[in-house]
């Protein structure tokens, strides 16, 4: 999102169903999430003639209505469950 609140989606970026993720991209995403200790979030990437580049990583993503409509479900529902589960693990460990 830029300083005017305009997301890349609103500037022409498109959501695309990917049924089989390229191995390099899959490793880049998983490695990034592991390094940053993120269990769920959003990763933006671009692909050009030089290859794929991760341009943004968000532990909590700002899922647009268009993205939720695209997925046909709201990822924030799952994120809420994850937060509760992690909190309960911390509580249990603290005794």
N, C-alpha and C. Protein backbone atom coordinates (compact mmCIF):
# COMPACT_ATOMS: atom_id res chain seq x y z
N UNK A 1 0.85 -1.17 0.00
CA UNK A 1 0.00 0.00 0.00
C UNK A 1 0.90 1.24 0.00
N UNK A 2 0.56 2.20 -0.81
CA UNK A 2 1.38 3.41 -0.87
C UNK A 2 0.90 4.44 0.16
N UNK A 3 1.53 5.60 0.14
CA UNK A 3 1.21 6.65 1.12
C UNK A 3 -0.23 7.16 1.01
N UNK A 4 -0.88 6.88 -0.10
CA UNK A 4 -2.28 7.29 -0.28
C UNK A 4 -3.27 6.17 0.03
N UNK A 5 -2.75 5.05 0.52
CA UNK A 5 -3.62 3.93 0.85
C UNK A 5 -4.03 3.09 -0.35
N UNK A 6 -3.31 3.23 -1.45
CA UNK A 6 -3.63 2.48 -2.66
C UNK A 6 -2.77 1.22 -2.70
N UNK A 7 -3.42 0.07 -2.74
CA UNK A 7 -2.68 -1.19 -2.77
C UNK A 7 -2.22 -1.51 -4.18
N UNK A 8 -1.27 -2.43 -4.27
CA UNK A 8 -0.79 -2.84 -5.59
C UNK A 8 -1.92 -3.47 -6.40
N UNK A 9 -2.85 -4.13 -5.71
CA UNK A 9 -4.01 -4.70 -6.41
C UNK A 9 -4.78 -3.61 -7.14
N UNK A 10 -4.96 -2.48 -6.47
CA UNK A 10 -5.71 -1.38 -7.08
C UNK A 10 -4.91 -0.64 -8.14
N UNK A 11 -3.61 -0.92 -8.21
CA UNK A 11 -2.78 -0.33 -9.26
C UNK A 11 -2.58 -1.29 -10.42
N UNK A 12 -3.27 -2.43 -10.39
CA UNK A 12 -3.21 -3.32 -11.54
C UNK A 12 -2.64 -4.70 -11.28
N UNK A 13 -2.10 -4.95 -10.08
CA UNK A 13 -1.63 -6.30 -9.77
C UNK A 13 -2.83 -7.24 -9.77
N UNK A 14 -2.58 -8.49 -10.06
CA UNK A 14 -3.68 -9.45 -10.13
C UNK A 14 -3.41 -10.63 -9.20
N UNK A 15 -4.49 -11.20 -8.69
CA UNK A 15 -4.40 -12.45 -7.94
C UNK A 15 -4.50 -13.57 -8.96
N UNK A 16 -3.74 -14.60 -8.74
CA UNK A 16 -3.71 -15.68 -9.71
C UNK A 16 -3.71 -17.01 -8.97
N UNK A 17 -4.60 -17.91 -9.37
CA UNK A 17 -4.58 -19.26 -8.79
C UNK A 17 -3.33 -19.97 -9.27
N UNK A 18 -2.59 -20.51 -8.34
CA UNK A 18 -1.41 -21.30 -8.67
C UNK A 18 -1.64 -22.68 -8.08
N UNK A 19 -1.74 -23.67 -8.94
CA UNK A 19 -2.06 -25.01 -8.48
C UNK A 19 -0.83 -25.82 -8.14
N UNK A 20 0.29 -25.48 -8.75
CA UNK A 20 1.55 -26.13 -8.40
C UNK A 20 2.61 -25.04 -8.35
N UNK A 21 3.10 -24.80 -7.16
CA UNK A 21 4.06 -23.73 -6.95
C UNK A 21 5.44 -24.15 -7.42
N UNK A 22 6.10 -23.26 -8.14
CA UNK A 22 7.47 -23.48 -8.58
C UNK A 22 8.35 -23.81 -7.37
N UNK A 23 9.23 -24.79 -7.49
CA UNK A 23 10.05 -25.24 -6.36
C UNK A 23 10.91 -24.12 -5.77
N UNK A 24 11.49 -23.29 -6.63
CA UNK A 24 12.32 -22.19 -6.13
C UNK A 24 11.48 -21.22 -5.30
N UNK A 25 10.31 -20.87 -5.80
CA UNK A 25 9.44 -19.95 -5.06
C UNK A 25 8.99 -20.59 -3.75
N UNK A 26 8.62 -21.85 -3.80
CA UNK A 26 8.20 -22.55 -2.58
C UNK A 26 9.31 -22.51 -1.53
N UNK A 27 10.54 -22.79 -1.93
CA UNK A 27 11.66 -22.76 -0.98
C UNK A 27 11.91 -21.34 -0.47
N UNK A 28 11.81 -20.35 -1.35
CA UNK A 28 12.00 -18.96 -0.93
C UNK A 28 10.98 -18.57 0.13
N UNK A 29 9.73 -18.93 -0.10
CA UNK A 29 8.65 -18.58 0.83
C UNK A 29 8.83 -19.31 2.16
N UNK A 30 9.05 -20.61 2.11
CA UNK A 30 9.20 -21.39 3.35
C UNK A 30 10.43 -20.93 4.13
N UNK A 31 11.54 -20.71 3.44
CA UNK A 31 12.75 -20.23 4.13
C UNK A 31 12.51 -18.87 4.78
N UNK A 32 11.83 -17.98 4.07
CA UNK A 32 11.55 -16.65 4.63
C UNK A 32 10.68 -16.75 5.87
N UNK A 33 9.63 -17.56 5.80
CA UNK A 33 8.75 -17.73 6.96
C UNK A 33 9.50 -18.33 8.14
N UNK A 34 10.35 -19.32 7.88
CA UNK A 34 11.12 -19.94 8.96
C UNK A 34 12.13 -18.98 9.57
N UNK A 35 12.84 -18.24 8.74
CA UNK A 35 13.83 -17.28 9.24
C UNK A 35 13.16 -16.22 10.11
N UNK A 36 11.99 -15.78 9.69
CA UNK A 36 11.28 -14.72 10.41
C UNK A 36 10.36 -15.26 11.50
N UNK A 37 10.31 -16.59 11.65
CA UNK A 37 9.46 -17.25 12.64
C UNK A 37 8.00 -16.83 12.50
N UNK A 38 7.52 -16.86 11.27
CA UNK A 38 6.13 -16.51 10.96
C UNK A 38 5.39 -17.78 10.59
N UNK A 39 4.27 -18.03 11.27
CA UNK A 39 3.50 -19.24 11.00
C UNK A 39 2.41 -19.00 9.97
N UNK A 40 1.95 -17.77 9.88
CA UNK A 40 0.90 -17.44 8.91
C UNK A 40 0.98 -15.96 8.61
N UNK A 41 0.84 -15.61 7.37
CA UNK A 41 0.91 -14.20 7.00
C UNK A 41 0.79 -14.05 5.50
N UNK A 42 1.32 -12.97 5.01
CA UNK A 42 1.26 -12.71 3.59
C UNK A 42 2.64 -12.43 3.03
N UNK A 43 2.91 -12.99 1.88
CA UNK A 43 4.18 -12.75 1.19
C UNK A 43 3.86 -12.28 -0.22
N UNK A 44 4.37 -11.11 -0.55
CA UNK A 44 4.19 -10.58 -1.90
C UNK A 44 5.47 -10.84 -2.68
N UNK A 45 5.30 -11.28 -3.90
CA UNK A 45 6.47 -11.46 -4.74
C UNK A 45 6.16 -11.02 -6.15
N UNK A 46 7.23 -10.73 -6.84
CA UNK A 46 7.12 -10.41 -8.26
C UNK A 46 8.03 -11.38 -9.01
N UNK A 47 7.66 -11.61 -10.23
CA UNK A 47 8.48 -12.47 -11.10
C UNK A 47 8.74 -11.68 -12.37
N UNK A 48 10.03 -11.56 -12.69
CA UNK A 48 10.37 -10.92 -13.96
C UNK A 48 11.41 -11.77 -14.67
N UNK A 49 12.04 -11.25 -15.68
CA UNK A 49 13.00 -12.02 -16.46
C UNK A 49 14.20 -12.49 -15.64
N UNK A 50 14.49 -11.78 -14.53
CA UNK A 50 15.62 -12.15 -13.67
C UNK A 50 15.25 -13.22 -12.66
N UNK A 51 13.96 -13.48 -12.50
CA UNK A 51 13.52 -14.49 -11.54
C UNK A 51 12.53 -13.93 -10.55
N UNK A 52 12.20 -14.74 -9.53
CA UNK A 52 11.25 -14.29 -8.51
C UNK A 52 11.96 -13.48 -7.42
N UNK A 53 11.25 -12.49 -6.90
CA UNK A 53 11.76 -11.66 -5.81
C UNK A 53 10.66 -11.47 -4.77
N UNK A 54 10.99 -11.73 -3.51
CA UNK A 54 10.06 -11.41 -2.43
C UNK A 54 10.20 -9.93 -2.16
N UNK A 55 9.08 -9.22 -2.20
CA UNK A 55 9.14 -7.77 -2.01
C UNK A 55 8.49 -7.32 -0.71
N UNK A 56 7.74 -8.21 -0.04
CA UNK A 56 7.08 -7.81 1.19
C UNK A 56 6.68 -9.06 1.97
N UNK A 57 6.88 -9.01 3.28
CA UNK A 57 6.46 -10.10 4.15
C UNK A 57 5.70 -9.48 5.32
N UNK A 58 4.52 -9.99 5.59
CA UNK A 58 3.69 -9.47 6.68
C UNK A 58 3.24 -10.60 7.58
N UNK A 59 3.55 -10.47 8.88
CA UNK A 59 3.09 -11.48 9.84
C UNK A 59 1.57 -11.44 9.95
N UNK A 60 1.00 -10.28 9.84
CA UNK A 60 -0.45 -10.15 9.74
C UNK A 60 -0.72 -9.36 8.47
N UNK A 61 -1.40 -9.98 7.57
CA UNK A 61 -1.61 -9.36 6.28
C UNK A 61 -2.88 -8.51 6.29
N UNK A 62 -2.92 -7.55 5.41
CA UNK A 62 -4.12 -6.73 5.25
C UNK A 62 -4.91 -7.30 4.07
N UNK A 63 -5.65 -8.35 4.35
CA UNK A 63 -6.38 -9.04 3.30
C UNK A 63 -7.50 -8.13 2.78
N UNK A 64 -7.42 -7.79 1.53
CA UNK A 64 -8.44 -6.93 0.93
C UNK A 64 -9.71 -7.74 0.68
N UNK A 65 -10.82 -7.04 0.52
CA UNK A 65 -12.08 -7.71 0.21
C UNK A 65 -11.94 -8.50 -1.09
N UNK A 66 -11.22 -7.95 -2.04
CA UNK A 66 -11.03 -8.63 -3.32
C UNK A 66 -10.28 -9.96 -3.12
N UNK A 67 -9.29 -9.95 -2.21
CA UNK A 67 -8.53 -11.17 -1.96
C UNK A 67 -9.38 -12.21 -1.24
N UNK A 68 -10.17 -11.76 -0.26
CA UNK A 68 -11.07 -12.67 0.44
C UNK A 68 -12.08 -13.26 -0.55
N UNK A 69 -12.61 -12.43 -1.43
CA UNK A 69 -13.54 -12.92 -2.46
C UNK A 69 -12.85 -13.91 -3.38
N UNK A 70 -11.59 -13.63 -3.72
CA UNK A 70 -10.81 -14.50 -4.59
C UNK A 70 -10.63 -15.88 -3.95
N UNK A 71 -10.30 -15.89 -2.65
CA UNK A 71 -10.09 -17.15 -1.94
C UNK A 71 -11.40 -17.87 -1.63
N UNK A 72 -12.46 -17.11 -1.56
CA UNK A 72 -13.78 -17.59 -1.16
C UNK A 72 -13.79 -18.04 0.30
N UNK A 73 -12.89 -17.46 1.10
CA UNK A 73 -12.86 -17.64 2.55
C UNK A 73 -11.97 -16.55 3.13
N UNK A 74 -12.11 -16.31 4.41
CA UNK A 74 -11.35 -15.25 5.06
C UNK A 74 -10.19 -15.85 5.85
N UNK A 75 -8.95 -15.60 5.43
CA UNK A 75 -7.79 -16.14 6.14
C UNK A 75 -7.70 -15.66 7.59
N UNK A 76 -8.32 -14.54 7.91
CA UNK A 76 -8.27 -14.03 9.28
C UNK A 76 -8.97 -14.96 10.25
N UNK A 77 -9.95 -15.73 9.78
CA UNK A 77 -10.59 -16.72 10.66
C UNK A 77 -9.55 -17.73 11.14
N UNK A 78 -8.74 -18.22 10.23
CA UNK A 78 -7.70 -19.19 10.57
C UNK A 78 -6.63 -18.54 11.44
N UNK A 79 -6.31 -17.28 11.16
CA UNK A 79 -5.30 -16.58 11.94
C UNK A 79 -5.76 -16.42 13.39
N UNK A 80 -7.04 -16.16 13.60
CA UNK A 80 -7.56 -16.06 14.96
C UNK A 80 -7.39 -17.36 15.71
N UNK A 81 -7.68 -18.48 15.05
CA UNK A 81 -7.49 -19.79 15.68
C UNK A 81 -6.03 -20.02 16.02
N UNK A 82 -5.12 -19.63 15.13
CA UNK A 82 -3.69 -19.80 15.37
C UNK A 82 -3.24 -18.98 16.58
N UNK A 83 -3.71 -17.76 16.68
CA UNK A 83 -3.34 -16.89 17.81
C UNK A 83 -3.82 -17.50 19.12
N UNK A 84 -5.04 -17.99 19.14
CA UNK A 84 -5.57 -18.62 20.36
C UNK A 84 -4.76 -19.85 20.73
N UNK A 85 -4.46 -20.70 19.75
CA UNK A 85 -3.67 -21.90 20.01
C UNK A 85 -2.29 -21.56 20.57
N UNK A 86 -1.64 -20.56 19.99
CA UNK A 86 -0.31 -20.16 20.47
C UNK A 86 -0.39 -19.59 21.88
N UNK A 87 -1.41 -18.80 22.16
CA UNK A 87 -1.60 -18.24 23.50
C UNK A 87 -1.79 -19.36 24.52
N UNK A 88 -2.61 -20.34 24.18
CA UNK A 88 -2.85 -21.45 25.11
C UNK A 88 -1.58 -22.26 25.37
N UNK A 89 -0.73 -22.41 24.36
CA UNK A 89 0.55 -23.10 24.55
C UNK A 89 1.43 -22.33 25.53
N UNK A 90 1.46 -21.02 25.39
CA UNK A 90 2.26 -20.18 26.30
C UNK A 90 1.72 -20.27 27.72
N UNK A 91 0.41 -20.20 27.86
CA UNK A 91 -0.22 -20.31 29.18
C UNK A 91 0.09 -21.65 29.83
N UNK A 92 0.01 -22.71 29.04
CA UNK A 92 0.28 -24.05 29.57
C UNK A 92 1.74 -24.18 29.99
N UNK A 93 2.64 -23.65 29.19
CA UNK A 93 4.07 -23.73 29.51
C UNK A 93 4.41 -22.91 30.76
N UNK A 94 3.67 -21.82 30.97
CA UNK A 94 3.93 -20.97 32.13
C UNK A 94 3.40 -21.60 33.42
N UNK A 95 2.49 -22.56 33.26
CA UNK A 95 1.97 -23.29 34.41
C UNK A 95 0.95 -22.53 35.13
